[in-house]
PDB file of N, CA and C in Angstrom:
ATOM      1  N   MET A   1      13.587  64.139 -51.639  1.00  0.00           N
ATOM      2  CA  MET A   1      14.797  63.261 -51.524  1.00  0.00           C
ATOM      3  C   MET A   1      16.433  63.111 -50.616  1.00  0.00           C
ATOM      4  N   ILE A   2      16.396  62.216 -49.991  1.00  0.00           N
ATOM      5  CA  ILE A   2      17.724  61.704 -48.464  1.00  0.00           C
ATOM      6  C   ILE A   2      18.684  61.402 -49.268  1.00  0.00           C
ATOM      7  N   THR A   3      19.846  61.713 -49.519  1.00  0.00           N
ATOM      8  CA  THR A   3      21.383  61.268 -49.560  1.00  0.00           C
ATOM      9  C   THR A   3      22.713  61.361 -48.775  1.00  0.00           C
ATOM     10  N   ASP A   4      23.129  60.609 -49.379  1.00  0.00           N
ATOM     11  CA  ASP A   4      24.805  60.900 -48.080  1.00  0.00           C
ATOM     12  C   ASP A   4      25.766  60.965 -49.071  1.00  0.00           C
ATOM     13  N   ASN A   5      25.746  60.935 -50.157  1.00  0.00           N
ATOM     14  CA  ASN A   5      26.069  61.267 -51.647  1.00  0.00           C
ATOM     15  C   ASN A   5      26.869  60.064 -52.104  1.00  0.00           C
ATOM     16  N   ALA A   6      26.482  59.394 -52.002  1.00  0.00           N
ATOM     17  CA  ALA A   6      26.512  57.623 -52.737  1.00  0.00           C
ATOM     18  C   ALA A   6      25.080  56.955 -52.658  1.00  0.00           C
ATOM     19  N   HIS A   7      24.411  56.723 -51.925  1.00  0.00           N
ATOM     20  CA  HIS A   7      23.100  56.316 -51.919  1.00  0.00           C
ATOM     21  C   HIS A   7      21.948  57.897 -52.050  1.00  0.00           C
ATOM     22  N   GLN A   8      21.117  57.332 -52.594  1.00  0.00           N
ATOM     23  CA  GLN A   8      19.746  57.412 -52.640  1.00  0.00           C
ATOM     24  C   GLN A   8      18.097  57.147 -52.027  1.00  0.00           C
ATOM     25  N   SER A   9      17.620  57.779 -51.422  1.00  0.00           N
ATOM     26  CA  SER A   9      16.118  57.324 -51.495  1.00  0.00           C
ATOM     27  C   SER A   9      14.929  58.576 -51.539  1.00  0.00           C
ATOM     28  N   MET A  10      13.821  58.733 -51.208  1.00  0.00           N
ATOM     29  CA  MET A  10      13.256  59.932 -51.160  1.00  0.00           C
ATOM     30  C   MET A  10      11.471  59.290 -50.496  1.00  0.00           C
ATOM     31  N   PHE A  11      10.912  60.075 -50.223  1.00  0.00           N
ATOM     32  CA  PHE A  11       9.925  59.388 -49.462  1.00  0.00           C
ATOM     33  C   PHE A  11       8.556  60.637 -50.149  1.00  0.00           C
ATOM     34  N   LEU A  12       7.185  60.301 -50.805  1.00  0.00           N
ATOM     35  CA  LEU A  12       6.103  61.263 -50.905  1.00  0.00           C
ATOM     36  C   LEU A  12       5.229  60.988 -49.254  1.00  0.00           C
ATOM     37  N   VAL A  13       4.446  62.115 -49.034  1.00  0.00           N
ATOM     38  CA  VAL A  13       3.984  61.625 -48.236  1.00  0.00           C
ATOM     39  C   VAL A  13       2.683  61.696 -48.534  1.00  0.00           C
ATOM     40  N   TYR A  14       1.655  61.529 -48.004  1.00  0.00           N
ATOM     41  CA  TYR A  14       0.576  61.011 -48.332  1.00  0.00           C
ATOM     42  C   TYR A  14      -0.724  60.912 -47.252  1.00  0.00           C
ATOM     43  N   ASP A  15      -2.266  61.105 -48.074  1.00  0.00           N
ATOM     44  CA  ASP A  15      -2.371  61.843 -46.252  1.00  0.00           C
ATOM     45  C   ASP A  15      -2.605  60.910 -45.466  1.00  0.00           C
ATOM     46  N   THR A  16      -2.983  60.057 -45.453  1.00  0.00           N
ATOM     47  CA  THR A  16      -2.268  58.765 -44.759  1.00  0.00           C
ATOM     48  C   THR A  16      -1.493  57.921 -44.324  1.00  0.00           C
ATOM     49  N   GLY A  17      -0.148  58.174 -44.871  1.00  0.00           N
ATOM     50  CA  GLY A  17       1.259  58.421 -44.257  1.00  0.00           C
ATOM     51  C   GLY A  17       2.380  58.042 -45.459  1.00  0.00           C
ATOM     52  N   VAL A  18       3.036  58.146 -45.499  1.00  0.00           N
ATOM     53  CA  VAL A  18       4.287  58.203 -45.883  1.00  0.00           C
ATOM     54  C   VAL A  18       4.659  57.003 -46.824  1.00  0.00           C
ATOM     55  N   VAL A  19       4.998  56.997 -47.711  1.00  0.00           N
ATOM     56  CA  VAL A  19       5.927  55.969 -48.921  1.00  0.00           C
ATOM     57  C   VAL A  19       6.960  56.809 -49.096  1.00  0.00           C
ATOM     58  N   VAL A  20       7.822  55.127 -48.746  1.00  0.00           N
ATOM     59  CA  VAL A  20       9.584  55.521 -48.765  1.00  0.00           C
ATOM     60  C   VAL A  20       9.894  54.320 -49.641  1.00  0.00           C
ATOM     61  N   ILE A  21      10.927  55.370 -50.958  1.00  0.00           N
ATOM     62  CA  ILE A  21      10.920  54.282 -52.410  1.00  0.00           C
ATOM     63  C   ILE A  21      12.413  54.004 -52.349  1.00  0.00           C
ATOM     64  N   GLY A  22      13.069  52.766 -51.848  1.00  0.00           N
ATOM     65  CA  GLY A  22      14.518  52.966 -51.410  1.00  0.00           C
ATOM     66  C   GLY A  22      15.398  52.817 -50.650  1.00  0.00           C
ATOM     67  N   ALA A  23      15.805  51.569 -49.504  1.00  0.00           N
ATOM     68  CA  ALA A  23      16.342  52.168 -48.281  1.00  0.00           C
ATOM     69  C   ALA A  23      17.435  51.667 -47.606  1.00  0.00           C
ATOM     70  N   PRO A  24      18.641  52.290 -48.588  1.00  0.00           N
ATOM     71  CA  PRO A  24      19.807  51.760 -48.481  1.00  0.00           C
ATOM     72  C   PRO A  24      20.434  51.796 -47.067  1.00  0.00           C
ATOM     73  N   PRO A  25      20.894  50.373 -46.871  1.00  0.00           N
ATOM     74  CA  PRO A  25      21.792  50.624 -45.674  1.00  0.00           C
ATOM     75  C   PRO A  25      22.126  51.357 -45.331  1.00  0.00           C
ATOM     76  N   GLY A  26      22.738  51.925 -44.001  1.00  0.00           N
ATOM     77  CA  GLY A  26      24.112  52.365 -43.777  1.00  0.00           C
ATOM     78  C   GLY A  26      23.274  53.508 -42.995  1.00  0.00           C
ATOM     79  N   TYR A  27      22.217  53.969 -43.487  1.00  0.00           N
ATOM     80  CA  TYR A  27      21.804  55.351 -43.573  1.00  0.00           C
ATOM     81  C   TYR A  27      20.528  55.657 -42.753  1.00  0.00           C
ATOM     82  N   PRO A  28      19.580  54.506 -42.628  1.00  0.00           N
ATOM     83  CA  PRO A  28      17.921  54.143 -41.941  1.00  0.00           C
ATOM     84  C   PRO A  28      17.250  55.909 -41.079  1.00  0.00           C
ATOM     85  N   ALA A  29      18.517  55.529 -39.903  1.00  0.00           N
ATOM     86  CA  ALA A  29      17.928  56.440 -39.241  1.00  0.00           C
ATOM     87  C   ALA A  29      18.021  57.965 -39.630  1.00  0.00           C
ATOM     88  N   HIS A  30      18.129  58.118 -40.627  1.00  0.00           N
ATOM     89  CA  HIS A  30      18.158  59.182 -41.493  1.00  0.00           C
ATOM     90  C   HIS A  30      16.847  59.747 -42.075  1.00  0.00           C
ATOM     91  N   ILE A  31      16.071  58.724 -42.573  1.00  0.00           N
ATOM     92  CA  ILE A  31      15.086  58.313 -43.291  1.00  0.00           C
ATOM     93  C   ILE A  31      13.510  59.185 -42.893  1.00  0.00           C
ATOM     94  N   PRO A  32      13.372  58.547 -41.069  1.00  0.00           N
ATOM     95  CA  PRO A  32      12.546  59.260 -40.417  1.00  0.00           C
ATOM     96  C   PRO A  32      12.696  60.724 -40.234  1.00  0.00           C
ATOM     97  N   GLU A  33      14.440  61.050 -40.023  1.00  0.00           N
ATOM     98  CA  GLU A  33      14.447  62.163 -39.554  1.00  0.00           C
ATOM     99  C   GLU A  33      14.499  62.986 -40.494  1.00  0.00           C
ATOM    100  N   ALA A  34      14.294  62.728 -41.759  1.00  0.00           N
ATOM    101  CA  ALA A  34      13.855  64.058 -43.034  1.00  0.00           C
ATOM    102  C   ALA A  34      12.603  63.759 -43.005  1.00  0.00           C
ATOM    103  N   ILE A  35      12.206  62.638 -43.342  1.00  0.00           N
ATOM    104  CA  ILE A  35      10.693  62.648 -42.874  1.00  0.00           C
ATOM    105  C   ILE A  35       9.928  63.699 -41.800  1.00  0.00           C
ATOM    106  N   ALA A  36      10.477  63.266 -40.975  1.00  0.00           N
ATOM    107  CA  ALA A  36      10.285  64.763 -39.672  1.00  0.00           C
ATOM    108  C   ALA A  36       9.891  65.837 -39.789  1.00  0.00           C
ATOM    109  N   THR A  37      10.773  66.241 -40.425  1.00  0.00           N
ATOM    110  CA  THR A  37      11.087  68.027 -41.153  1.00  0.00           C
ATOM    111  C   THR A  37       9.852  68.552 -41.990  1.00  0.00           C
ATOM    112  N   VAL A  38       9.099  66.776 -42.328  1.00  0.00           N
ATOM    113  CA  VAL A  38       8.052  67.529 -43.299  1.00  0.00           C
ATOM    114  C   VAL A  38       6.607  67.463 -42.587  1.00  0.00           C
ATOM    115  N   SER A  39       6.851  66.127 -42.403  1.00  0.00           N
ATOM    116  CA  SER A  39       5.300  65.318 -41.480  1.00  0.00           C
ATOM    117  C   SER A  39       5.346  64.374 -40.435  1.00  0.00           C
ATOM    118  N   GLY A  40       4.896  64.407 -39.352  1.00  0.00           N
ATOM    119  CA  GLY A  40       4.457  63.276 -38.265  1.00  0.00           C
ATOM    120  C   GLY A  40       3.309  62.528 -39.006  1.00  0.00           C
ATOM    121  N   LYS A  41       3.128  62.034 -40.224  1.00  0.00           N
ATOM    122  CA  LYS A  41       3.007  60.657 -40.930  1.00  0.00           C
ATOM    123  C   LYS A  41       3.574  59.272 -40.335  1.00  0.00           C
ATOM    124  N   PRO A  42       3.005  58.558 -40.320  1.00  0.00           N
ATOM    125  CA  PRO A  42       3.818  56.745 -39.835  1.00  0.00           C
ATOM    126  C   PRO A  42       4.312  56.349 -41.628  1.00  0.00           C
ATOM    127  N   THR A  43       5.442  56.203 -41.627  1.00  0.00           N
ATOM    128  CA  THR A  43       5.867  54.893 -43.120  1.00  0.00           C
ATOM    129  C   THR A  43       4.789  53.496 -43.174  1.00  0.00           C
ATOM    130  N   THR A  44       4.313  54.162 -43.690  1.00  0.00           N
ATOM    131  CA  THR A  44       2.851  53.349 -44.348  1.00  0.00           C
ATOM    132  C   THR A  44       3.163  52.163 -45.421  1.00  0.00           C
ATOM    133  N   HIS A  45       4.511  52.345 -46.360  1.00  0.00           N
ATOM    134  CA  HIS A  45       4.612  51.699 -47.590  1.00  0.00           C
ATOM    135  C   HIS A  45       6.166  52.005 -48.560  1.00  0.00           C
ATOM    136  N   ILE A  46       6.831  51.007 -48.668  1.00  0.00           N
ATOM    137  CA  ILE A  46       9.097  50.893 -48.949  1.00  0.00           C
ATOM    138  C   ILE A  46       7.857  50.917 -50.160  1.00  0.00           C
ATOM    139  N   ILE A  47       8.905  51.182 -50.790  1.00  0.00           N
ATOM    140  CA  ILE A  47       8.651  50.317 -52.797  1.00  0.00           C
ATOM    141  C   ILE A  47       9.918  50.281 -52.586  1.00  0.00           C
ATOM    142  N   TYR A  48      10.398  49.046 -53.358  1.00  0.00           N
ATOM    143  CA  TYR A  48      11.858  48.169 -53.847  1.00  0.00           C
ATOM    144  C   TYR A  48      11.781  49.049 -55.138  1.00  0.00           C
ATOM    145  N   SER A  49      12.762  49.656 -55.537  1.00  0.00           N
ATOM    146  CA  SER A  49      12.752  49.388 -57.092  1.00  0.00           C
ATOM    147  C   SER A  49      13.778  47.973 -57.684  1.00  0.00           C
ATOM    148  N   HIS A  50      14.248  47.613 -56.666  1.00  0.00           N
ATOM    149  CA  HIS A  50      15.053  46.461 -57.060  1.00  0.00           C
ATOM    150  C   HIS A  50      15.631  45.897 -56.520  1.00  0.00           C
ATOM    151  N   SER A  51      15.908  45.004 -56.147  1.00  0.00           N
ATOM    152  CA  SER A  51      16.092  43.844 -54.998  1.00  0.00           C
ATOM    153  C   SER A  51      17.837  43.883 -54.524  1.00  0.00           C
ATOM    154  N   HIS A  52      19.117  44.912 -54.684  1.00  0.00           N
ATOM    155  CA  HIS A  52      20.091  44.660 -54.383  1.00  0.00           C
ATOM    156  C   HIS A  52      19.924  45.036 -52.999  1.00  0.00           C
ATOM    157  N   VAL A  53      21.053  45.053 -52.741  1.00  0.00           N
ATOM    158  CA  VAL A  53      21.115  45.349 -51.060  1.00  0.00           C
ATOM    159  C   VAL A  53      22.073  46.654 -51.168  1.00  0.00           C
ATOM    160  N   ASP A  54      22.404  47.007 -51.587  1.00  0.00           N
ATOM    161  CA  ASP A  54      22.493  49.217 -51.483  1.00  0.00           C
ATOM    162  C   ASP A  54      21.091  49.469 -51.597  1.00  0.00           C
ATOM    163  N   HIS A  55      20.403  49.249 -51.995  1.00  0.00           N
ATOM    164  CA  HIS A  55      19.237  49.806 -52.319  1.00  0.00           C
ATOM    165  C   HIS A  55      17.732  49.352 -50.917  1.00  0.00           C
ATOM    166  N   ILE A  56      18.123  48.432 -50.637  1.00  0.00           N
ATOM    167  CA  ILE A  56      16.796  47.975 -49.535  1.00  0.00           C
ATOM    168  C   ILE A  56      17.481  47.354 -48.365  1.00  0.00           C
ATOM    169  N   ALA A  57      18.312  47.367 -47.891  1.00  0.00           N
ATOM    170  CA  ALA A  57      18.658  46.140 -46.743  1.00  0.00           C
ATOM    171  C   ALA A  57      19.353  47.133 -45.435  1.00  0.00           C
ATOM    172  N   GLY A  58      18.237  48.416 -45.785  1.00  0.00           N
ATOM    173  CA  GLY A  58      18.135  48.960 -44.535  1.00  0.00           C
ATOM    174  C   GLY A  58      16.487  49.394 -44.473  1.00  0.00           C
ATOM    175  N   THR A  59      15.880  48.358 -45.262  1.00  0.00           N
ATOM    176  CA  THR A  59      14.177  48.572 -44.564  1.00  0.00           C
ATOM    177  C   THR A  59      14.208  48.438 -42.982  1.00  0.00           C
ATOM    178  N   LYS A  60      14.721  46.896 -42.404  1.00  0.00           N
ATOM    179  CA  LYS A  60      14.293  46.496 -41.333  1.00  0.00           C
ATOM    180  C   LYS A  60      14.511  47.435 -40.844  1.00  0.00           C
ATOM    181  N   ASP A  61      15.640  48.132 -40.631  1.00  0.00           N
ATOM    182  CA  ASP A  61      16.116  49.307 -38.961  1.00  0.00           C
ATOM    183  C   ASP A  61      15.294  50.428 -39.305  1.00  0.00           C
ATOM    184  N   LEU A  62      13.575  50.083 -40.095  1.00  0.00           N
ATOM    185  CA  LEU A  62      13.097  51.442 -40.247  1.00  0.00           C
ATOM    186  C   LEU A  62      12.202  51.333 -39.774  1.00  0.00           C
ATOM    187  N   GLY A  63      12.227  49.945 -39.217  1.00  0.00           N
ATOM    188  CA  GLY A  63      10.955  49.986 -37.594  1.00  0.00           C
ATOM    189  C   GLY A  63       9.438  49.873 -38.456  1.00  0.00           C
ATOM    190  N   GLY A  64       8.278  49.219 -37.776  1.00  0.00           N
ATOM    191  CA  GLY A  64       7.475  49.770 -38.221  1.00  0.00           C
ATOM    192  C   GLY A  64       6.991  47.893 -39.081  1.00  0.00           C
ATOM    193  N   ARG A  65       5.594  48.424 -39.625  1.00  0.00           N
ATOM    194  CA  ARG A  65       5.204  47.134 -40.274  1.00  0.00           C
ATOM    195  C   ARG A  65       4.497  47.137 -41.481  1.00  0.00           C
ATOM    196  N   PRO A  66       5.868  48.242 -42.370  1.00  0.00           N
ATOM    197  CA  PRO A  66       4.763  48.785 -43.602  1.00  0.00           C
ATOM    198  C   PRO A  66       4.531  47.784 -44.356  1.00  0.00           C
ATOM    199  N   VAL A  67       4.119  48.384 -45.256  1.00  0.00           N
ATOM    200  CA  VAL A  67       3.757  47.541 -46.836  1.00  0.00           C
ATOM    201  C   VAL A  67       4.429  47.482 -47.730  1.00  0.00           C
ATOM    202  N   ILE A  68       5.488  46.400 -48.238  1.00  0.00           N
ATOM    203  CA  ILE A  68       6.871  46.013 -49.378  1.00  0.00           C
ATOM    204  C   ILE A  68       5.985  46.105 -50.739  1.00  0.00           C
ATOM    205  N   ILE A  69       6.401  46.578 -51.152  1.00  0.00           N
ATOM    206  CA  ILE A  69       5.270  46.979 -52.725  1.00  0.00           C
ATOM    207  C   ILE A  69       7.010  46.252 -53.962  1.00  0.00           C
ATOM    208  N   ALA A  70       6.700  45.678 -54.317  1.00  0.00           N
ATOM    209  CA  ALA A  70       7.546  45.598 -55.351  1.00  0.00           C
ATOM    210  C   ALA A  70       7.606  44.493 -56.192  1.00  0.00           C
ATOM    211  N   HIS A  71       8.138  44.681 -58.029  1.00  0.00           N
ATOM    212  CA  HIS A  71       7.992  43.902 -59.330  1.00  0.00           C
ATOM    213  C   HIS A  71       8.102  42.795 -58.762  1.00  0.00           C
ATOM    214  N   ASP A  72       7.172  41.143 -59.268  1.00  0.00           N
ATOM    215  CA  ASP A  72       7.493  40.126 -59.506  1.00  0.00           C
ATOM    216  C   ASP A  72       9.084  39.353 -59.135  1.00  0.00           C
ATOM    217  N   GLU A  73      10.050  40.339 -59.905  1.00  0.00           N
ATOM    218  CA  GLU A  73      11.225  39.764 -59.415  1.00  0.00           C
ATOM    219  C   GLU A  73      11.658  40.143 -58.574  1.00  0.00           C
ATOM    220  N   THR A  74      11.905  41.068 -58.590  1.00  0.00           N
ATOM    221  CA  THR A  74      12.364  42.223 -56.882  1.00  0.00           C
ATOM    222  C   THR A  74      11.894  41.366 -55.627  1.00  0.00           C
ATOM    223  N   LEU A  75      10.669  39.587 -56.040  1.00  0.00           N
ATOM    224  CA  LEU A  75      10.167  38.691 -54.673  1.00  0.00           C
ATOM    225  C   LEU A  75      11.675  37.861 -54.734  1.00  0.00           C
ATOM    226  N   ARG A  76      11.665  37.406 -55.501  1.00  0.00           N
ATOM    227  CA  ARG A  76      12.483  36.074 -56.693  1.00  0.00           C
ATOM    228  C   ARG A  76      13.537  36.288 -56.222  1.00  0.00           C
ATOM    229  N   LEU A  77      14.395  37.155 -56.964  1.00  0.00           N
ATOM    230  CA  LEU A  77      15.683  37.211 -56.162  1.00  0.00           C
ATOM    231  C   LEU A  77      15.868  37.182 -54.533  1.00  0.00           C
ATOM    232  N   PRO A  78      15.563  38.403 -53.605  1.00  0.00           N
ATOM    233  CA  PRO A  78      15.860  38.010 -52.446  1.00  0.00           C
ATOM    234  C   PRO A  78      15.168  36.216 -51.521  1.00  0.00           C
ATOM    235  N   THR A  79      13.825  36.505 -51.937  1.00  0.00           N
ATOM    236  CA  THR A  79      13.565  34.558 -51.593  1.00  0.00           C
ATOM    237  C   THR A  79      14.579  33.987 -52.025  1.00  0.00           C
ATOM    238  N   ARG A  80      14.822  33.541 -53.602  1.00  0.00           N
ATOM    239  CA  ARG A  80      16.609  32.342 -53.868  1.00  0.00           C
ATOM    240  C   ARG A  80      17.631  32.546 -52.885  1.00  0.00           C
ATOM    241  N   ALA A  81      17.826  33.770 -52.527  1.00  0.00           N
ATOM    242  CA  ALA A  81      19.234  34.500 -52.047  1.00  0.00           C
ATOM    243  C   ALA A  81      18.681  34.580 -50.078  1.00  0.00           C
ATOM    244  N   ALA A  82      17.706  34.143 -49.597  1.00  0.00           N
ATOM    245  CA  ALA A  82      17.147  33.711 -48.494  1.00  0.00           C
ATOM    246  C   ALA A  82      18.421  35.408 -47.520  1.00  0.00           C
ATOM    247  N   ASP A  83      18.651  36.479 -47.436  1.00  0.00           N
ATOM    248  CA  ASP A  83      18.871  37.122 -47.754  1.00  0.00           C
ATOM    249  C   ASP A  83      18.276  38.216 -46.154  1.00  0.00           C
ATOM    250  N   PRO A  84      17.902  37.924 -44.706  1.00  0.00           N
ATOM    251  CA  PRO A  84      17.723  38.366 -44.074  1.00  0.00           C
ATOM    252  C   PRO A  84      17.692  40.103 -43.961  1.00  0.00           C
ATOM    253  N   ASN A  85      18.703  40.430 -44.245  1.00  0.00           N
ATOM    254  CA  ASN A  85      18.982  42.041 -44.128  1.00  0.00           C
ATOM    255  C   ASN A  85      17.632  42.637 -45.440  1.00  0.00           C
ATOM    256  N   ARG A  86      17.338  41.720 -46.798  1.00  0.00           N
ATOM    257  CA  ARG A  86      16.356  42.090 -47.094  1.00  0.00           C
ATOM    258  C   ARG A  86      14.942  41.568 -47.325  1.00  0.00           C
ATOM    259  N   PRO A  87      13.882  42.894 -46.432  1.00  0.00           N
ATOM    260  CA  PRO A  87      12.800  41.798 -46.033  1.00  0.00           C
ATOM    261  C   PRO A  87      11.930  41.153 -47.657  1.00  0.00           C
ATOM    262  N   LEU A  88      11.138  41.236 -47.216  1.00  0.00           N
ATOM    263  CA  LEU A  88      10.592  40.297 -49.057  1.00  0.00           C
ATOM    264  C   LEU A  88       9.420  41.035 -48.627  1.00  0.00           C
ATOM    265  N   PRO A  89       8.766  41.036 -50.296  1.00  0.00           N
ATOM    266  CA  PRO A  89       8.552  41.614 -50.565  1.00  0.00           C
ATOM    267  C   PRO A  89       6.916  41.906 -50.085  1.00  0.00           C
ATOM    268  N   THR A  90       5.855  41.977 -49.510  1.00  0.00           N
ATOM    269  CA  THR A  90       4.337  42.078 -48.914  1.00  0.00           C
ATOM    270  C   THR A  90       3.718  41.961 -50.468  1.00  0.00           C
ATOM    271  N   VAL A  91       3.795  42.760 -51.134  1.00  0.00           N
ATOM    272  CA  VAL A  91       2.516  43.226 -52.452  1.00  0.00           C
ATOM    273  C   VAL A  91       3.495  42.830 -53.494  1.00  0.00           C
ATOM    274  N   THR A  92       2.811  42.295 -54.641  1.00  0.00           N
ATOM    275  CA  THR A  92       3.794  42.215 -55.223  1.00  0.00           C
ATOM    276  C   THR A  92       2.745  42.429 -56.633  1.00  0.00           C
ATOM    277  N   PHE A  93       3.926  43.170 -57.802  1.00  0.00           N
ATOM    278  CA  PHE A  93       3.010  43.257 -59.647  1.00  0.00           C
ATOM    279  C   PHE A  93       3.908  42.614 -60.543  1.00  0.00           C
ATOM    280  N   SER A  94       3.332  42.231 -61.766  1.00  0.00           N
ATOM    281  CA  SER A  94       4.067  42.245 -62.707  1.00  0.00           C
ATOM    282  C   SER A  94       3.665  42.599 -64.023  1.00  0.00           C
ATOM    283  N   ASP A  95       3.198  43.612 -64.103  1.00  0.00           N
ATOM    284  CA  ASP A  95       3.036  44.987 -65.165  1.00  0.00           C
ATOM    285  C   ASP A  95       3.074  46.368 -64.079  1.00  0.00           C
ATOM    286  N   ARG A  96       2.666  45.917 -63.888  1.00  0.00           N
ATOM    287  CA  ARG A  96       1.760  47.627 -63.333  1.00  0.00           C
ATOM    288  C   ARG A  96       0.796  47.579 -61.489  1.00  0.00           C
ATOM    289  N   TYR A  97       1.754  48.372 -61.205  1.00  0.00           N
ATOM    290  CA  TYR A  97       0.250  48.751 -59.577  1.00  0.00           C
ATOM    291  C   TYR A  97       0.109  50.172 -59.679  1.00  0.00           C
ATOM    292  N   THR A  98      -1.020  50.205 -58.687  1.00  0.00           N
ATOM    293  CA  THR A  98      -1.725  51.612 -58.596  1.00  0.00           C
ATOM    294  C   THR A  98      -1.378  51.743 -57.090  1.00  0.00           C
ATOM    295  N   LEU A  99      -1.397  52.610 -56.138  1.00  0.00           N
ATOM    296  CA  LEU A  99      -1.374  52.519 -55.100  1.00  0.00           C
ATOM    297  C   LEU A  99      -1.900  53.859 -54.745  1.00  0.00           C
ATOM    298  N   ARG A 100      -2.912  53.259 -54.710  1.00  0.00           N
ATOM    299  CA  ARG A 100      -4.431  54.173 -53.732  1.00  0.00           C
ATOM    300  C   ARG A 100      -4.472  55.064 -52.228  1.00  0.00           C
ATOM    301  N   LEU A 101      -3.312  55.765 -51.845  1.00  0.00           N
ATOM    302  CA  LEU A 101      -3.782  55.927 -50.114  1.00  0.00           C
ATOM    303  C   LEU A 101      -4.755  57.593 -50.045  1.00  0.00           C
ATOM    304  N   GLY A 102      -5.300  57.847 -49.774  1.00  0.00           N
ATOM    305  CA  GLY A 102      -6.600  58.816 -49.591  1.00  0.00           C
ATOM    306  C   GLY A 102      -6.850  59.297 -50.994  1.00  0.00           C
ATOM    307  N   ASN A 103      -6.935  60.612 -51.359  1.00  0.00           N
ATOM    308  CA  ASN A 103      -6.968  60.612 -52.569  1.00  0.00           C
ATOM    309  C   ASN A 103      -6.225  60.560 -53.687  1.00  0.00           C
ATOM    310  N   GLN A 104      -5.304  60.354 -53.489  1.00  0.00           N
ATOM    311  CA  GLN A 104      -3.400  60.389 -54.328  1.00  0.00           C
ATOM    312  C   GLN A 104      -3.097  59.078 -54.379  1.00  0.00           C
ATOM    313  N   THR A 105      -2.831  59.029 -56.189  1.00  0.00           N
ATOM    314  CA  THR A 105      -2.341  57.669 -56.303  1.00  0.00           C
ATOM    315  C   THR A 105      -1.193  57.713 -56.882  1.00  0.00           C
ATOM    316  N   LEU A 106      -0.845  56.501 -56.904  1.00  0.00           N
ATOM    317  CA  LEU A 106       1.142  56.493 -57.394  1.00  0.00           C
ATOM    318  C   LEU A 106       0.942  55.188 -58.495  1.00  0.00           C
ATOM    319  N   GLU A 107       1.449  55.852 -59.290  1.00  0.00           N
ATOM    320  CA  GLU A 107       1.263  54.530 -60.852  1.00  0.00           C
ATOM    321  C   GLU A 107       3.082  53.740 -60.576  1.00  0.00           C
ATOM    322  N   LEU A 108       3.029  52.564 -60.391  1.00  0.00           N
ATOM    323  CA  LEU A 108       4.208  51.744 -60.467  1.00  0.00           C
ATOM    324  C   LEU A 108       4.232  51.399 -62.053  1.00  0.00           C
ATOM    325  N   SER A 109       5.344  51.054 -62.547  1.00  0.00           N
ATOM    326  CA  SER A 109       5.372  50.192 -63.994  1.00  0.00           C
ATOM    327  C   SER A 109       6.892  49.961 -63.851  1.00  0.00           C
TER     328      SER A 109
END
């Protein structure tokens, strides 16, 4: 878990890369720094918990081209807002999603 005492983010290290959950604005530079303390793997996926700016507006500052996973509703709201600070999810689901990376699995619901 990564925090600045106001916002939180977390990451999971998988065989093939790192999955980041939540990318608040204001401290995206700290996310790669934290990852580097435990892994040299790239961020391959970002998971949006929901569409609020204070949870996802740091995504674009992380760089790279990670797959962004979110619930269908988390695609609808930023699409309507047309906010360039909230990159749209590239993979969405309506009920459940299983992310398999190497021999590890993350279930989203």
